[in-house]
Each structure stands twice: as structure tokens, then as C-alpha cells.
């Protein structure tokens, strides 16, 4: 018997219930820099969900282990686990999307747009960078940036 899979709507409803916040917009992205815990532990270039909620911004990495990881990761001391970033709405200064505009750079070095979030971290201002995946039929990233700025 095949395990029944959750629908996307069920997943996002349950995610909202788990966090106690309404999910306003979401996408997929790759963490680049700007979160002290991730940077100090060298958790760069990990993929996760990029989420705007009624409470702020969330990046949620769900670990996955492929057969290659199993083959070559035998000596790993630490089991993969979920990693999250949460920036409360009141600490977000601004959010914007940076995209390459020069056609020759797009051609020579294709890259994903970057979501840039400036936020307060105590007395300091910090900048979080996340590359986001934009699909042709998914206007979600524009919604995400808009929701983070309101």
C-alpha cells in the first residue's frame, strides 16, 4: 500500500498551525549569508523554504539524505537536522529582490535573484541574503517581498 502524500494546501495549513502564524507567501531558496548561527557553523549553500508569515520572515531547511550522502558520509559525526531562521516582522527594516540586469552577465554567469532582507539584530543592522528560485508561472516571490515590507 502506498503512503498517501499531503497536498500542498495541507502542508501550508499545518505549517501555519505549527508556527501559530498565517503563511502569506512562500518560495524555495538557497541560504547565502547574514545569519550569525548559520555563518559561524558554515551552513552556507543549504536549500530551504523561504516564507513570509504574519509574524515575519522564515527560512526553513529540511535535511535530506541521498544515496551519495549515505555512501560518502559514513564518518559524519552529526546527523542532519532541520535548520531555521526567523526574523520577527518588527525587526525587518526592508526586503527587496536583486536581479542581474546586464544581459551579458546573465548569459556568462547565470544566477538566481537574491532576496535581501535588512533587519535589526540588537543594536546592529544586518543583511540576510537568500537566492530564490523563480518559476515562470509562480508570482510568489513578488508577493513574498511585498508581504515582508508591510
C-alpha atoms as a PDB file:
ATOM      1  CA  UNK A   1       0.000   0.000   0.000  1.00  0.00           C
ATOM      2  CA  UNK A   2       1.328   3.409  -0.966  1.00  0.00           C
ATOM      3  CA  UNK A   3       1.691   6.101   1.661  1.00  0.00           C
ATOM      4  CA  UNK A   4      -0.693   8.968   0.983  1.00  0.00           C
ATOM      5  CA  UNK A   5       1.035  12.263   0.399  1.00  0.00           C
ATOM      6  CA  UNK A   6      -0.158  15.578   1.777  1.00  0.00           C
ATOM      7  CA  UNK A   7      -1.402  18.191  -0.610  1.00  0.00           C
ATOM      8  CA  UNK A   8       0.478  21.487  -0.722  1.00  0.00           C
ATOM      9  CA  UNK A   9      -2.518  23.228   0.863  1.00  0.00           C
ATOM     10  CA  UNK A  10      -2.490  20.748   3.763  1.00  0.00           C
ATOM     11  CA  UNK A  11       1.252  21.250   4.256  1.00  0.00           C
ATOM     12  CA  UNK A  12       0.949  25.061   4.416  1.00  0.00           C
ATOM     13  CA  UNK A  13      -2.101  24.900   6.687  1.00  0.00           C
ATOM     14  CA  UNK A  14      -0.233  22.586   9.084  1.00  0.00           C
ATOM     15  CA  UNK A  15       2.892  24.773   8.891  1.00  0.00           C
ATOM     16  CA  UNK A  16       0.805  27.787   9.882  1.00  0.00           C
ATOM     17  CA  UNK A  17      -0.741  25.866  12.764  1.00  0.00           C
ATOM     18  CA  UNK A  18       2.697  24.715  13.940  1.00  0.00           C
ATOM     19  CA  UNK A  19       4.168  28.229  13.932  1.00  0.00           C
ATOM     20  CA  UNK A  20       0.984  29.961  15.092  1.00  0.00           C
ATOM     21  CA  UNK A  21       1.281  32.353  12.146  1.00  0.00           C
ATOM     22  CA  UNK A  22      -0.553  32.722   8.864  1.00  0.00           C
ATOM     23  CA  UNK A  23       1.570  31.814   5.825  1.00  0.00           C
ATOM     24  CA  UNK A  24       1.278  34.778   3.436  1.00  0.00           C
ATOM     25  CA  UNK A  25       3.697  33.814   0.629  1.00  0.00           C
ATOM     26  CA  UNK A  26       6.437  31.268   0.022  1.00  0.00           C
ATOM     27  CA  UNK A  27       9.125  30.126  -2.366  1.00  0.00           C
ATOM     28  CA  UNK A  28      12.243  27.956  -2.415  1.00  0.00           C
ATOM     29  CA  UNK A  29      15.727  29.349  -1.934  1.00  0.00           C
ATOM     30  CA  UNK A  30      19.352  28.812  -1.049  1.00  0.00           C
ATOM     31  CA  UNK A  31      20.844  30.494   2.011  1.00  0.00           C
ATOM     32  CA  UNK A  32      23.846  32.699   1.169  1.00  0.00           C
ATOM     33  CA  UNK A  33      24.774  34.787   4.235  1.00  0.00           C
ATOM     34  CA  UNK A  34      23.700  37.105   7.028  1.00  0.00           C
ATOM     35  CA  UNK A  35      22.562  34.858   9.884  1.00  0.00           C
ATOM     36  CA  UNK A  36      25.235  34.520  12.563  1.00  0.00           C
ATOM     37  CA  UNK A  37      24.434  30.937  13.612  1.00  0.00           C
ATOM     38  CA  UNK A  38      24.491  29.696  10.002  1.00  0.00           C
ATOM     39  CA  UNK A  39      27.644  31.635   9.078  1.00  0.00           C
ATOM     40  CA  UNK A  40      29.625  30.607  12.161  1.00  0.00           C
ATOM     41  CA  UNK A  41      28.760  26.929  11.599  1.00  0.00           C
ATOM     42  CA  UNK A  42      29.415  27.207   7.842  1.00  0.00           C
ATOM     43  CA  UNK A  43      25.869  26.190   6.979  1.00  0.00           C
ATOM     44  CA  UNK A  44      26.029  28.038   3.697  1.00  0.00           C
ATOM     45  CA  UNK A  45      24.524  26.939   0.429  1.00  0.00           C
ATOM     46  CA  UNK A  46      21.703  24.977   2.052  1.00  0.00           C
ATOM     47  CA  UNK A  47      18.288  24.916   0.419  1.00  0.00           C
ATOM     48  CA  UNK A  48      15.010  25.543   2.160  1.00  0.00           C
ATOM     49  CA  UNK A  49      11.604  27.139   2.145  1.00  0.00           C
ATOM     50  CA  UNK A  50      11.541  30.939   2.048  1.00  0.00           C
ATOM     51  CA  UNK A  51       8.375  32.073   3.829  1.00  0.00           C
ATOM     52  CA  UNK A  52       6.636  35.336   4.679  1.00  0.00           C
ATOM     53  CA  UNK A  53       4.247  34.857   7.594  1.00  0.00           C
ATOM     54  CA  UNK A  54       2.043  37.162   9.601  1.00  0.00           C
ATOM     55  CA  UNK A  55       4.857  37.116  12.188  1.00  0.00           C
ATOM     56  CA  UNK A  56       7.817  37.840   9.906  1.00  0.00           C
ATOM     57  CA  UNK A  57      10.325  36.000   7.714  1.00  0.00           C
ATOM     58  CA  UNK A  58      11.231  32.330   7.925  1.00  0.00           C
ATOM     59  CA  UNK A  59      13.831  30.199   6.167  1.00  0.00           C
ATOM     60  CA  UNK A  60      13.268  26.519   6.871  1.00  0.00           C
ATOM     61  CA  UNK A  61      15.773  23.876   5.784  1.00  0.00           C
ATOM     62  CA  UNK A  62      14.580  20.273   5.806  1.00  0.00           C
ATOM     63  CA  UNK A  63      17.565  17.890   5.630  1.00  0.00           C
ATOM     64  CA  UNK A  64      17.576  15.199   3.012  1.00  0.00           C
ATOM     65  CA  UNK A  65      19.956  12.336   2.660  1.00  0.00           C
ATOM     66  CA  UNK A  66      20.638  10.954  -0.777  1.00  0.00           C
ATOM     67  CA  UNK A  67      22.296   7.663  -1.577  1.00  0.00           C
ATOM     68  CA  UNK A  68      25.520   9.629  -2.237  1.00  0.00           C
ATOM     69  CA  UNK A  69      25.375  11.072   1.275  1.00  0.00           C
ATOM     70  CA  UNK A  70      24.943   7.570   2.655  1.00  0.00           C
ATOM     71  CA  UNK A  71      27.852   6.274   0.598  1.00  0.00           C
ATOM     72  CA  UNK A  72      30.335   9.053   1.354  1.00  0.00           C
ATOM     73  CA  UNK A  73      29.019  10.401   4.675  1.00  0.00           C
ATOM     74  CA  UNK A  74      29.727   7.309   6.759  1.00  0.00           C
ATOM     75  CA  UNK A  75      32.134   9.164   9.032  1.00  0.00           C
ATOM     76  CA  UNK A  76      29.749  12.016   9.732  1.00  0.00           C
ATOM     77  CA  UNK A  77      29.556  12.790  13.432  1.00  0.00           C
ATOM     78  CA  UNK A  78      26.377  14.846  13.356  1.00  0.00           C
ATOM     79  CA  UNK A  79      23.049  13.703  11.977  1.00  0.00           C
ATOM     80  CA  UNK A  80      21.378  16.124   9.576  1.00  0.00           C
ATOM     81  CA  UNK A  81      18.623  18.136  11.226  1.00  0.00           C
ATOM     82  CA  UNK A  82      16.237  20.959  10.465  1.00  0.00           C
ATOM     83  CA  UNK A  83      17.700  24.441  10.446  1.00  0.00           C
ATOM     84  CA  UNK A  84      15.563  27.554  10.701  1.00  0.00           C
ATOM     85  CA  UNK A  85      15.860  31.312  10.580  1.00  0.00           C
ATOM     86  CA  UNK A  86      13.156  33.560  11.981  1.00  0.00           C
ATOM     87  CA  UNK A  87      13.177  37.346  11.785  1.00  0.00           C
ATOM     88  CA  UNK A  88      10.168  38.914  13.529  1.00  0.00           C
ATOM     89  CA  UNK A  89       8.233  41.401  11.400  1.00  0.00           C
ATOM     90  CA  UNK A  90       9.008  44.300  13.744  1.00  0.00           C
ATOM     91  CA  UNK A  91      12.777  43.753  13.219  1.00  0.00           C
ATOM     92  CA  UNK A  92      12.600  43.813   9.409  1.00  0.00           C
ATOM     93  CA  UNK A  93      13.756  47.160   8.035  1.00  0.00           C
ATOM     94  CA  UNK A  94      13.284  46.328   4.350  1.00  0.00           C
ATOM     95  CA  UNK A  95      13.112  43.492   1.853  1.00  0.00           C
ATOM     96  CA  UNK A  96      13.935  43.666  -1.833  1.00  0.00           C
ATOM     97  CA  UNK A  97      14.787  41.449  -4.749  1.00  0.00           C
ATOM     98  CA  UNK A  98      18.079  41.933  -6.584  1.00  0.00           C
ATOM     99  CA  UNK A  99      18.231  40.620 -10.131  1.00  0.00           C
ATOM    100  CA  UNK A 100      21.011  40.851 -12.670  1.00  0.00           C
ATOM    101  CA  UNK A 101      20.085  43.382 -15.341  1.00  0.00           C
ATOM    102  CA  UNK A 102      23.060  43.138 -17.682  1.00  0.00           C
ATOM    103  CA  UNK A 103      22.267  40.615 -20.421  1.00  0.00           C
ATOM    104  CA  UNK A 104      25.899  39.575 -20.868  1.00  0.00           C
ATOM    105  CA  UNK A 105      26.280  38.749 -17.163  1.00  0.00           C
ATOM    106  CA  UNK A 106      23.058  36.734 -17.277  1.00  0.00           C
ATOM    107  CA  UNK A 107      24.477  34.833 -20.238  1.00  0.00           C
ATOM    108  CA  UNK A 108      28.011  34.278 -18.866  1.00  0.00           C
ATOM    109  CA  UNK A 109      27.182  33.695 -15.205  1.00  0.00           C
ATOM    110  CA  UNK A 110      23.548  32.681 -14.816  1.00  0.00           C
ATOM    111  CA  UNK A 111      22.343  33.186 -11.276  1.00  0.00           C
ATOM    112  CA  UNK A 112      19.123  33.298  -9.319  1.00  0.00           C
ATOM    113  CA  UNK A 113      17.754  36.583  -7.967  1.00  0.00           C
ATOM    114  CA  UNK A 114      18.668  37.375  -4.373  1.00  0.00           C
ATOM    115  CA  UNK A 115      16.200  38.239  -1.659  1.00  0.00           C
ATOM    116  CA  UNK A 116      17.858  40.889   0.519  1.00  0.00           C
ATOM    117  CA  UNK A 117      16.430  41.498   3.982  1.00  0.00           C
ATOM    118  CA  UNK A 118      17.861  44.260   6.147  1.00  0.00           C
ATOM    119  CA  UNK A 119      16.948  43.740   9.795  1.00  0.00           C
ATOM    120  CA  UNK A 120      17.722  44.862  13.355  1.00  0.00           C
ATOM    121  CA  UNK A 121      19.793  42.461  15.441  1.00  0.00           C
ATOM    122  CA  UNK A 122      20.035  44.116  18.823  1.00  0.00           C
ATOM    123  CA  UNK A 123      21.870  47.408  18.271  1.00  0.00           C
ATOM    124  CA  UNK A 124      23.197  46.284  14.878  1.00  0.00           C
ATOM    125  CA  UNK A 125      21.712  46.312  11.405  1.00  0.00           C
ATOM    126  CA  UNK A 126      22.328  43.101   9.471  1.00  0.00           C
ATOM    127  CA  UNK A 127      21.663  41.907   5.946  1.00  0.00           C
ATOM    128  CA  UNK A 128      20.371  38.431   5.098  1.00  0.00           C
ATOM    129  CA  UNK A 129      20.885  37.121   1.549  1.00  0.00           C
ATOM    130  CA  UNK A 130      18.949  34.204   0.093  1.00  0.00           C
ATOM    131  CA  UNK A 131      18.956  33.175  -3.569  1.00  0.00           C
ATOM    132  CA  UNK A 132      15.387  32.479  -4.618  1.00  0.00           C
ATOM    133  CA  UNK A 133      14.017  30.259  -7.325  1.00  0.00           C
ATOM    134  CA  UNK A 134      11.531  31.988  -9.557  1.00  0.00           C
ATOM    135  CA  UNK A 135       9.364  29.819 -11.744  1.00  0.00           C
ATOM    136  CA  UNK A 136       7.667  31.311 -14.789  1.00  0.00           C
ATOM    137  CA  UNK A 137       4.156  30.531 -13.533  1.00  0.00           C
ATOM    138  CA  UNK A 138       4.810  31.464  -9.900  1.00  0.00           C
ATOM    139  CA  UNK A 139       4.490  35.144  -8.951  1.00  0.00           C
ATOM    140  CA  UNK A 140       5.065  34.156  -5.292  1.00  0.00           C
ATOM    141  CA  UNK A 141       8.412  35.897  -4.780  1.00  0.00           C
ATOM    142  CA  UNK A 142       6.939  39.313  -5.609  1.00  0.00           C
ATOM    143  CA  UNK A 143       4.176  38.615  -3.102  1.00  0.00           C
ATOM    144  CA  UNK A 144       6.764  37.495  -0.572  1.00  0.00           C
ATOM    145  CA  UNK A 145       8.789  40.721  -0.853  1.00  0.00           C
ATOM    146  CA  UNK A 146       5.600  42.811  -0.686  1.00  0.00           C
ATOM    147  CA  UNK A 147       4.354  40.980   2.442  1.00  0.00           C
ATOM    148  CA  UNK A 148       7.718  41.442   4.192  1.00  0.00           C
ATOM    149  CA  UNK A 149       7.626  45.189   3.563  1.00  0.00           C
ATOM    150  CA  UNK A 150       4.182  45.706   5.135  1.00  0.00           C
END
